[in-house]
Full PDB file with SEQRES, HELIX, SHEET, SSBOND, CRYST1, ORIGX, SCALE, CONECT and MASTER records, all heavy atoms in Angstrom:
SEQRES   1 A   32  GLY ASP ILE ILE THR ILE ASP ALA ILE ARG GLY GLU ILE          
SEQRES   2 A   32  SER VAL ASP LEU ALA ALA GLU THR LEU ASP GLU ARG ARG          
SEQRES   3 A   32  ALA GLY TRP LYS GLY ALA                                      
HELIX    1 AA1 ALA A   19  ALA A   27  1                                   9    
SHEET    1 AA1 2 ILE A   4  ASP A   7  0                                        
SHEET    2 AA1 2 GLU A  12  VAL A  15 -1                                        
CRYST1    1.000    1.000    1.000  90.00  90.00  90.00 P 1           1          
ORIGX1      1.000000  0.000000  0.000000        0.00000                         
ORIGX2      0.000000  1.000000  0.000000        0.00000                         
ORIGX3      0.000000  0.000000  1.000000        0.00000                         
SCALE1      1.000000  0.000000  0.000000        0.00000                         
SCALE2      0.000000  1.000000  0.000000        0.00000                         
SCALE3      0.000000  0.000000  1.000000        0.00000                         
ATOM      1  N   GLY A   1     160.759 101.672 123.920  1.00  0.00           N  
ATOM      2  CA  GLY A   1     161.350 101.753 125.255  1.00  0.00           C  
ATOM      3  C   GLY A   1     160.375 102.194 126.325  1.00  0.00           C  
ATOM      4  O   GLY A   1     160.622 101.957 127.525  1.00  0.00           O  
ATOM      5  N   ASP A   2     159.258 102.842 125.955  1.00  0.00           N  
ATOM      6  CA  ASP A   2     158.235 103.201 126.946  1.00  0.00           C  
ATOM      7  C   ASP A   2     157.738 101.933 127.635  1.00  0.00           C  
ATOM      8  O   ASP A   2     157.535 100.896 126.991  1.00  0.00           O  
ATOM      9  CB  ASP A   2     157.050 103.900 126.281  1.00  0.00           C  
ATOM     10  CG  ASP A   2     157.384 105.294 125.770  1.00  0.00           C  
ATOM     11  OD1 ASP A   2     158.399 105.863 126.211  1.00  0.00           O  
ATOM     12  OD2 ASP A   2     156.628 105.807 124.919  1.00  0.00           O  
ATOM     13  N   ILE A   3     157.526 102.014 128.931  1.00  0.00           N  
ATOM     14  CA  ILE A   3     157.091 100.839 129.696  1.00  0.00           C  
ATOM     15  C   ILE A   3     155.565 100.770 129.703  1.00  0.00           C  
ATOM     16  O   ILE A   3     154.884 101.697 130.156  1.00  0.00           O  
ATOM     17  CB  ILE A   3     157.631 100.884 131.144  1.00  0.00           C  
ATOM     18  CG1 ILE A   3     159.166 100.936 131.127  1.00  0.00           C  
ATOM     19  CG2 ILE A   3     157.152  99.645 131.908  1.00  0.00           C  
ATOM     20  CD1 ILE A   3     159.836  99.767 130.418  1.00  0.00           C  
ATOM     21  N   ILE A   4     155.061  99.645 129.213  1.00  0.00           N  
ATOM     22  CA  ILE A   4     153.619  99.426 129.098  1.00  0.00           C  
ATOM     23  C   ILE A   4     153.206  98.305 130.027  1.00  0.00           C  
ATOM     24  O   ILE A   4     153.901  97.274 130.146  1.00  0.00           O  
ATOM     25  CB  ILE A   4     153.255  99.076 127.636  1.00  0.00           C  
ATOM     26  CG1 ILE A   4     153.504 100.277 126.722  1.00  0.00           C  
ATOM     27  CG2 ILE A   4     151.800  98.612 127.525  1.00  0.00           C  
ATOM     28  CD1 ILE A   4     153.352  99.964 125.247  1.00  0.00           C  
ATOM     29  N   THR A   5     152.068  98.487 130.685  1.00  0.00           N  
ATOM     30  CA  THR A   5     151.491  97.437 131.537  1.00  0.00           C  
ATOM     31  C   THR A   5     150.103  97.089 131.047  1.00  0.00           C  
ATOM     32  O   THR A   5     149.267  97.980 130.836  1.00  0.00           O  
ATOM     33  CB  THR A   5     151.415  97.881 133.011  1.00  0.00           C  
ATOM     34  OG1 THR A   5     152.747  98.103 133.499  1.00  0.00           O  
ATOM     35  CG2 THR A   5     150.734  96.823 133.869  1.00  0.00           C  
ATOM     36  N   ILE A   6     149.879  95.795 130.864  1.00  0.00           N  
ATOM     37  CA  ILE A   6     148.557  95.270 130.491  1.00  0.00           C  
ATOM     38  C   ILE A   6     148.115  94.374 131.633  1.00  0.00           C  
ATOM     39  O   ILE A   6     148.806  93.406 131.969  1.00  0.00           O  
ATOM     40  CB  ILE A   6     148.625  94.449 129.187  1.00  0.00           C  
ATOM     41  CG1 ILE A   6     149.296  95.262 128.070  1.00  0.00           C  
ATOM     42  CG2 ILE A   6     147.239  93.993 128.768  1.00  0.00           C  
ATOM     43  CD1 ILE A   6     149.756  94.409 126.893  1.00  0.00           C  
ATOM     44  N   ASP A   7     146.985  94.688 132.235  1.00  0.00           N  
ATOM     45  CA  ASP A   7     146.456  93.904 133.357  1.00  0.00           C  
ATOM     46  C   ASP A   7     145.031  93.502 133.014  1.00  0.00           C  
ATOM     47  O   ASP A   7     144.083  94.264 133.236  1.00  0.00           O  
ATOM     48  CB  ASP A   7     146.495  94.737 134.642  1.00  0.00           C  
ATOM     49  CG  ASP A   7     146.141  93.919 135.885  1.00  0.00           C  
ATOM     50  OD1 ASP A   7     145.425  92.905 135.741  1.00  0.00           O  
ATOM     51  OD2 ASP A   7     146.577  94.304 136.991  1.00  0.00           O  
ATOM     52  N   ALA A   8     144.878  92.294 132.466  1.00  0.00           N  
ATOM     53  CA  ALA A   8     143.557  91.824 132.057  1.00  0.00           C  
ATOM     54  C   ALA A   8     142.691  91.452 133.246  1.00  0.00           C  
ATOM     55  O   ALA A   8     141.468  91.372 133.121  1.00  0.00           O  
ATOM     56  CB  ALA A   8     143.696  90.635 131.114  1.00  0.00           C  
ATOM     57  N   ILE A   9     143.290  91.224 134.388  1.00  0.00           N  
ATOM     58  CA  ILE A   9     142.502  90.897 135.586  1.00  0.00           C  
ATOM     59  C   ILE A   9     141.791  92.146 136.100  1.00  0.00           C  
ATOM     60  O   ILE A   9     140.609  92.110 136.457  1.00  0.00           O  
ATOM     61  CB  ILE A   9     143.410  90.273 136.668  1.00  0.00           C  
ATOM     62  CG1 ILE A   9     143.971  88.935 136.164  1.00  0.00           C  
ATOM     63  CG2 ILE A   9     142.641  90.077 137.976  1.00  0.00           C  
ATOM     64  CD1 ILE A   9     145.016  88.329 137.058  1.00  0.00           C  
ATOM     65  N   ARG A  10     142.484  93.262 136.083  1.00  0.00           N  
ATOM     66  CA  ARG A  10     141.901  94.525 136.542  1.00  0.00           C  
ATOM     67  C   ARG A  10     141.277  95.330 135.403  1.00  0.00           C  
ATOM     68  O   ARG A  10     140.635  96.351 135.635  1.00  0.00           O  
ATOM     69  CB  ARG A  10     142.966  95.368 137.243  1.00  0.00           C  
ATOM     70  CG  ARG A  10     143.537  94.693 138.481  1.00  0.00           C  
ATOM     71  CD  ARG A  10     144.664  95.494 139.097  1.00  0.00           C  
ATOM     72  NE  ARG A  10     144.207  96.796 139.576  1.00  0.00           N  
ATOM     73  CZ  ARG A  10     145.002  97.687 140.165  1.00  0.00           C  
ATOM     74  NH1 ARG A  10     146.290  97.419 140.328  1.00  0.00           N  
ATOM     75  NH2 ARG A  10     144.524  98.847 140.573  1.00  0.00           N  
ATOM     76  N   GLY A  11     141.513  94.896 134.169  1.00  0.00           N  
ATOM     77  CA  GLY A  11     140.948  95.608 133.033  1.00  0.00           C  
ATOM     78  C   GLY A  11     141.643  96.914 132.729  1.00  0.00           C  
ATOM     79  O   GLY A  11     141.001  97.892 132.347  1.00  0.00           O  
ATOM     80  N   GLU A  12     142.975  96.929 132.838  1.00  0.00           N  
ATOM     81  CA  GLU A  12     143.713  98.171 132.664  1.00  0.00           C  
ATOM     82  C   GLU A  12     144.812  98.012 131.611  1.00  0.00           C  
ATOM     83  O   GLU A  12     145.411  96.944 131.470  1.00  0.00           O  
ATOM     84  CB  GLU A  12     144.347  98.613 133.988  1.00  0.00           C  
ATOM     85  CG  GLU A  12     143.320  98.924 135.068  1.00  0.00           C  
ATOM     86  CD  GLU A  12     143.967  99.255 136.414  1.00  0.00           C  
ATOM     87  OE1 GLU A  12     145.213  99.191 136.519  1.00  0.00           O  
ATOM     88  OE2 GLU A  12     143.225  99.560 137.355  1.00  0.00           O  
ATOM     89  N   ILE A  13     145.094  99.092 130.888  1.00  0.00           N  
ATOM     90  CA  ILE A  13     146.224  99.159 129.971  1.00  0.00           C  
ATOM     91  C   ILE A  13     146.803 100.559 130.078  1.00  0.00           C  
ATOM     92  O   ILE A  13     146.100 101.554 129.907  1.00  0.00           O  
ATOM     93  CB  ILE A  13     145.827  98.805 128.522  1.00  0.00           C  
ATOM     94  CG1 ILE A  13     147.042  98.861 127.601  1.00  0.00           C  
ATOM     95  CG2 ILE A  13     144.691  99.679 128.007  1.00  0.00           C  
ATOM     96  CD1 ILE A  13     146.793  98.264 126.224  1.00  0.00           C  
ATOM     97  N   SER A  14     148.097 100.643 130.384  1.00  0.00           N  
ATOM     98  CA  SER A  14     148.670 101.961 130.637  1.00  0.00           C  
ATOM     99  C   SER A  14     150.120 102.006 130.181  1.00  0.00           C  
ATOM    100  O   SER A  14     150.789 100.987 130.038  1.00  0.00           O  
ATOM    101  CB  SER A  14     148.607 102.296 132.138  1.00  0.00           C  
ATOM    102  OG  SER A  14     149.356 101.338 132.890  1.00  0.00           O  
ATOM    103  N   VAL A  15     150.608 103.222 129.950  1.00  0.00           N  
ATOM    104  CA  VAL A  15     152.013 103.472 129.664  1.00  0.00           C  
ATOM    105  C   VAL A  15     152.549 104.335 130.798  1.00  0.00           C  
ATOM    106  O   VAL A  15     151.870 105.252 131.283  1.00  0.00           O  
ATOM    107  CB  VAL A  15     152.213 104.158 128.296  1.00  0.00           C  
ATOM    108  CG1 VAL A  15     151.436 105.470 128.192  1.00  0.00           C  
ATOM    109  CG2 VAL A  15     153.690 104.367 127.999  1.00  0.00           C  
ATOM    110  N   ASP A  16     153.752 104.022 131.245  1.00  0.00           N  
ATOM    111  CA  ASP A  16     154.334 104.691 132.412  1.00  0.00           C  
ATOM    112  C   ASP A  16     154.909 106.049 132.003  1.00  0.00           C  
ATOM    113  O   ASP A  16     156.116 106.264 131.978  1.00  0.00           O  
ATOM    114  CB  ASP A  16     155.419 103.802 133.024  1.00  0.00           C  
ATOM    115  CG  ASP A  16     155.947 104.363 134.346  1.00  0.00           C  
ATOM    116  OD1 ASP A  16     155.272 105.251 134.916  1.00  0.00           O  
ATOM    117  OD2 ASP A  16     157.025 103.927 134.798  1.00  0.00           O  
ATOM    118  N   LEU A  17     153.996 106.936 131.650  1.00  0.00           N  
ATOM    119  CA  LEU A  17     154.361 108.293 131.276  1.00  0.00           C  
ATOM    120  C   LEU A  17     153.415 109.268 131.974  1.00  0.00           C  
ATOM    121  O   LEU A  17     152.212 109.010 132.068  1.00  0.00           O  
ATOM    122  CB  LEU A  17     154.245 108.501 129.762  1.00  0.00           C  
ATOM    123  CG  LEU A  17     155.212 107.717 128.861  1.00  0.00           C  
ATOM    124  CD1 LEU A  17     154.821 107.908 127.400  1.00  0.00           C  
ATOM    125  CD2 LEU A  17     156.652 108.151 129.089  1.00  0.00           C  
ATOM    126  N   ALA A  18     153.951 110.377 132.429  1.00  0.00           N  
ATOM    127  CA  ALA A  18     153.120 111.410 133.053  1.00  0.00           C  
ATOM    128  C   ALA A  18     152.239 112.068 132.004  1.00  0.00           C  
ATOM    129  O   ALA A  18     152.587 112.114 130.812  1.00  0.00           O  
ATOM    130  CB  ALA A  18     154.008 112.455 133.727  1.00  0.00           C  
ATOM    131  N   ALA A  19     151.119 112.585 132.452  1.00  0.00           N  
ATOM    132  CA  ALA A  19     150.197 113.266 131.541  1.00  0.00           C  
ATOM    133  C   ALA A  19     150.897 114.420 130.827  1.00  0.00           C  
ATOM    134  O   ALA A  19     150.642 114.683 129.642  1.00  0.00           O  
ATOM    135  CB  ALA A  19     148.978 113.774 132.312  1.00  0.00           C  
ATOM    136  N   GLU A  20     151.810 115.088 131.556  1.00  0.00           N  
ATOM    137  CA  GLU A  20     152.525 116.217 130.951  1.00  0.00           C  
ATOM    138  C   GLU A  20     153.414 115.749 129.791  1.00  0.00           C  
ATOM    139  O   GLU A  20     153.539 116.434 128.772  1.00  0.00           O  
ATOM    140  CB  GLU A  20     153.382 116.928 132.010  1.00  0.00           C  
ATOM    141  CG  GLU A  20     152.597 117.629 133.097  1.00  0.00           C  
ATOM    142  CD  GLU A  20     152.078 116.653 134.169  1.00  0.00           C  
ATOM    143  OE1 GLU A  20     152.514 115.476 134.173  1.00  0.00           O  
ATOM    144  OE2 GLU A  20     151.238 117.077 134.976  1.00  0.00           O  
ATOM    145  N   THR A  21     154.022 114.579 129.961  1.00  0.00           N  
ATOM    146  CA  THR A  21     154.876 114.033 128.900  1.00  0.00           C  
ATOM    147  C   THR A  21     154.051 113.702 127.664  1.00  0.00           C  
ATOM    148  O   THR A  21     154.449 113.991 126.526  1.00  0.00           O  
ATOM    149  CB  THR A  21     155.614 112.781 129.398  1.00  0.00           C  
ATOM    150  OG1 THR A  21     156.379 113.122 130.560  1.00  0.00           O  
ATOM    151  CG2 THR A  21     156.538 112.224 128.325  1.00  0.00           C  
ATOM    152  N   LEU A  22     152.896 113.090 127.885  1.00  0.00           N  
ATOM    153  CA  LEU A  22     152.010 112.780 126.762  1.00  0.00           C  
ATOM    154  C   LEU A  22     151.548 114.054 126.066  1.00  0.00           C  
ATOM    155  O   LEU A  22     151.466 114.112 124.827  1.00  0.00           O  
ATOM    156  CB  LEU A  22     150.809 111.961 127.249  1.00  0.00           C  
ATOM    157  CG  LEU A  22     151.085 110.491 127.591  1.00  0.00           C  
ATOM    158  CD1 LEU A  22     149.879 109.865 128.279  1.00  0.00           C  
ATOM    159  CD2 LEU A  22     151.435 109.705 126.333  1.00  0.00           C  
ATOM    160  N   ASP A  23     151.265 115.103 126.848  1.00  0.00           N  
ATOM    161  CA  ASP A  23     150.841 116.375 126.255  1.00  0.00           C  
ATOM    162  C   ASP A  23     151.959 116.978 125.411  1.00  0.00           C  
ATOM    163  O   ASP A  23     151.707 117.535 124.325  1.00  0.00           O  
ATOM    164  CB  ASP A  23     150.428 117.354 127.352  1.00  0.00           C  
ATOM    165  CG  ASP A  23     149.106 116.984 128.012  1.00  0.00           C  
ATOM    166  OD1 ASP A  23     148.353 116.190 127.410  1.00  0.00           O  
ATOM    167  OD2 ASP A  23     148.847 117.479 129.119  1.00  0.00           O  
ATOM    168  N   GLU A  24     153.198 116.887 125.884  1.00  0.00           N  
ATOM    169  CA  GLU A  24     154.331 117.409 125.129  1.00  0.00           C  
ATOM    170  C   GLU A  24     154.485 116.658 123.804  1.00  0.00           C  
ATOM    171  O   GLU A  24     154.724 117.271 122.750  1.00  0.00           O  
ATOM    172  CB  GLU A  24     155.611 117.286 125.953  1.00  0.00           C  
ATOM    173  CG  GLU A  24     155.692 118.252 127.124  1.00  0.00           C  
ATOM    174  CD  GLU A  24     156.901 117.974 128.014  1.00  0.00           C  
ATOM    175  OE1 GLU A  24     157.749 117.121 127.616  1.00  0.00           O  
ATOM    176  OE2 GLU A  24     156.998 118.571 129.093  1.00  0.00           O  
ATOM    177  N   ARG A  25     154.357 115.344 123.867  1.00  0.00           N  
ATOM    178  CA  ARG A  25     154.481 114.561 122.642  1.00  0.00           C  
ATOM    179  C   ARG A  25     153.329 114.861 121.682  1.00  0.00           C  
ATOM    180  O   ARG A  25     153.521 114.912 120.461  1.00  0.00           O  
ATOM    181  CB  ARG A  25     154.510 113.061 122.969  1.00  0.00           C  
ATOM    182  CG  ARG A  25     155.778 112.618 123.683  1.00  0.00           C  
ATOM    183  CD  ARG A  25     155.791 111.106 123.833  1.00  0.00           C  
ATOM    184  NE  ARG A  25     156.944 110.646 124.593  1.00  0.00           N  
ATOM    185  CZ  ARG A  25     157.201 109.370 124.858  1.00  0.00           C  
ATOM    186  NH1 ARG A  25     156.366 108.418 124.422  1.00  0.00           N  
ATOM    187  NH2 ARG A  25     158.270 109.032 125.557  1.00  0.00           N  
ATOM    188  N   ARG A  26     152.145 115.074 122.229  1.00  0.00           N  
ATOM    189  CA  ARG A  26     150.992 115.374 121.374  1.00  0.00           C  
ATOM    190  C   ARG A  26     151.195 116.705 120.649  1.00  0.00           C  
ATOM    191  O   ARG A  26     150.830 116.854 119.473  1.00  0.00           O  
ATOM    192  CB  ARG A  26     149.712 115.406 122.214  1.00  0.00           C  
ATOM    193  CG  ARG A  26     148.441 115.573 121.385  1.00  0.00           C  
ATOM    194  CD  ARG A  26     147.191 115.392 122.222  1.00  0.00           C  
ATOM    195  NE  ARG A  26     146.970 113.982 122.573  1.00  0.00           N  
ATOM    196  CZ  ARG A  26     147.155 113.476 123.778  1.00  0.00           C  
ATOM    197  NH1 ARG A  26     147.568 114.255 124.777  1.00  0.00           N  
ATOM    198  NH2 ARG A  26     146.939 112.206 124.009  1.00  0.00           N  
ATOM    199  N   ALA A  27     151.784 117.656 121.325  1.00  0.00           N  
ATOM    200  CA  ALA A  27     152.041 118.963 120.708  1.00  0.00           C  
ATOM    201  C   ALA A  27     153.013 118.832 119.539  1.00  0.00           C  
ATOM    202  O   ALA A  27     152.950 119.608 118.574  1.00  0.00           O  
ATOM    203  CB  ALA A  27     152.586 119.935 121.752  1.00  0.00           C  
ATOM    204  N   GLY A  28     153.891 117.841 119.613  1.00  0.00           N  
ATOM    205  CA  GLY A  28     154.861 117.646 118.538  1.00  0.00           C  
ATOM    206  C   GLY A  28     154.446 116.606 117.512  1.00  0.00           C  
ATOM    207  O   GLY A  28     155.213 116.335 116.572  1.00  0.00           O  
ATOM    208  N   TRP A  29     153.239 116.055 117.656  1.00  0.00           N  
ATOM    209  CA  TRP A  29     152.771 115.010 116.730  1.00  0.00           C  
ATOM    210  C   TRP A  29     152.534 115.599 115.348  1.00  0.00           C  
ATOM    211  O   TRP A  29     151.937 116.669 115.204  1.00  0.00           O  
ATOM    212  CB  TRP A  29     151.481 114.383 117.285  1.00  0.00           C  
ATOM    213  CG  TRP A  29     150.910 113.261 116.463  1.00  0.00           C  
ATOM    214  CD1 TRP A  29     151.525 112.114 116.095  1.00  0.00           C  
ATOM    215  CD2 TRP A  29     149.579 113.196 115.936  1.00  0.00           C  
ATOM    216  NE1 TRP A  29     150.679 111.319 115.369  1.00  0.00           N  
ATOM    217  CE2 TRP A  29     149.470 111.956 115.248  1.00  0.00           C  
ATOM    218  CE3 TRP A  29     148.475 114.035 115.962  1.00  0.00           C  
ATOM    219  CZ2 TRP A  29     148.300 111.560 114.605  1.00  0.00           C  
ATOM    220  CZ3 TRP A  29     147.313 113.643 115.335  1.00  0.00           C  
ATOM    221  CH2 TRP A  29     147.224 112.415 114.660  1.00  0.00           C  
ATOM    222  N   LYS A  30     152.985 114.911 114.322  1.00  0.00           N  
ATOM    223  CA  LYS A  30     152.921 115.437 112.963  1.00  0.00           C  
ATOM    224  C   LYS A  30     151.628 115.084 112.227  1.00  0.00           C  
ATOM    225  O   LYS A  30     151.470 115.424 111.051  1.00  0.00           O  
ATOM    226  CB  LYS A  30     154.120 114.928 112.169  1.00  0.00           C  
ATOM    227  CG  LYS A  30     155.454 115.440 112.709  1.00  0.00           C  
ATOM    228  CD  LYS A  30     156.616 114.893 111.907  1.00  0.00           C  
ATOM    229  CE  LYS A  30     157.941 115.396 112.454  1.00  0.00           C  
ATOM    230  NZ  LYS A  30     159.099 114.866 111.690  1.00  0.00           N  
ATOM    231  N   GLY A  31     150.714 114.418 112.904  1.00  0.00           N  
ATOM    232  CA  GLY A  31     149.439 114.078 112.285  1.00  0.00           C  
ATOM    233  C   GLY A  31     149.411 112.674 111.742  1.00  0.00           C  
ATOM    234  O   GLY A  31     150.396 111.926 111.822  1.00  0.00           O  
ATOM    235  N   ALA A  32     148.261 112.301 111.202  1.00  0.00           N  
ATOM    236  CA  ALA A  32     148.063 110.939 110.730  1.00  0.00           C  
ATOM    237  C   ALA A  32     149.060 110.582 109.640  1.00  0.00           C  
ATOM    238  O   ALA A  32     149.383 111.401 108.774  1.00  0.00           O  
ATOM    239  CB  ALA A  32     146.637 110.771 110.204  1.00  0.00           C  
TER     240      ALA A  32                                                      
MASTER        0    0    0    1    2    0    0    6  239    1    0    3          
END                                                                             
């Protein structure tokens, strides 16, 4: 459900999530 944008013209790939949200998810990541 996360919104992802791939722009090959500009050379960008991103997910529409704030850095804080990514940090929160990283803190809860269970590892490889």
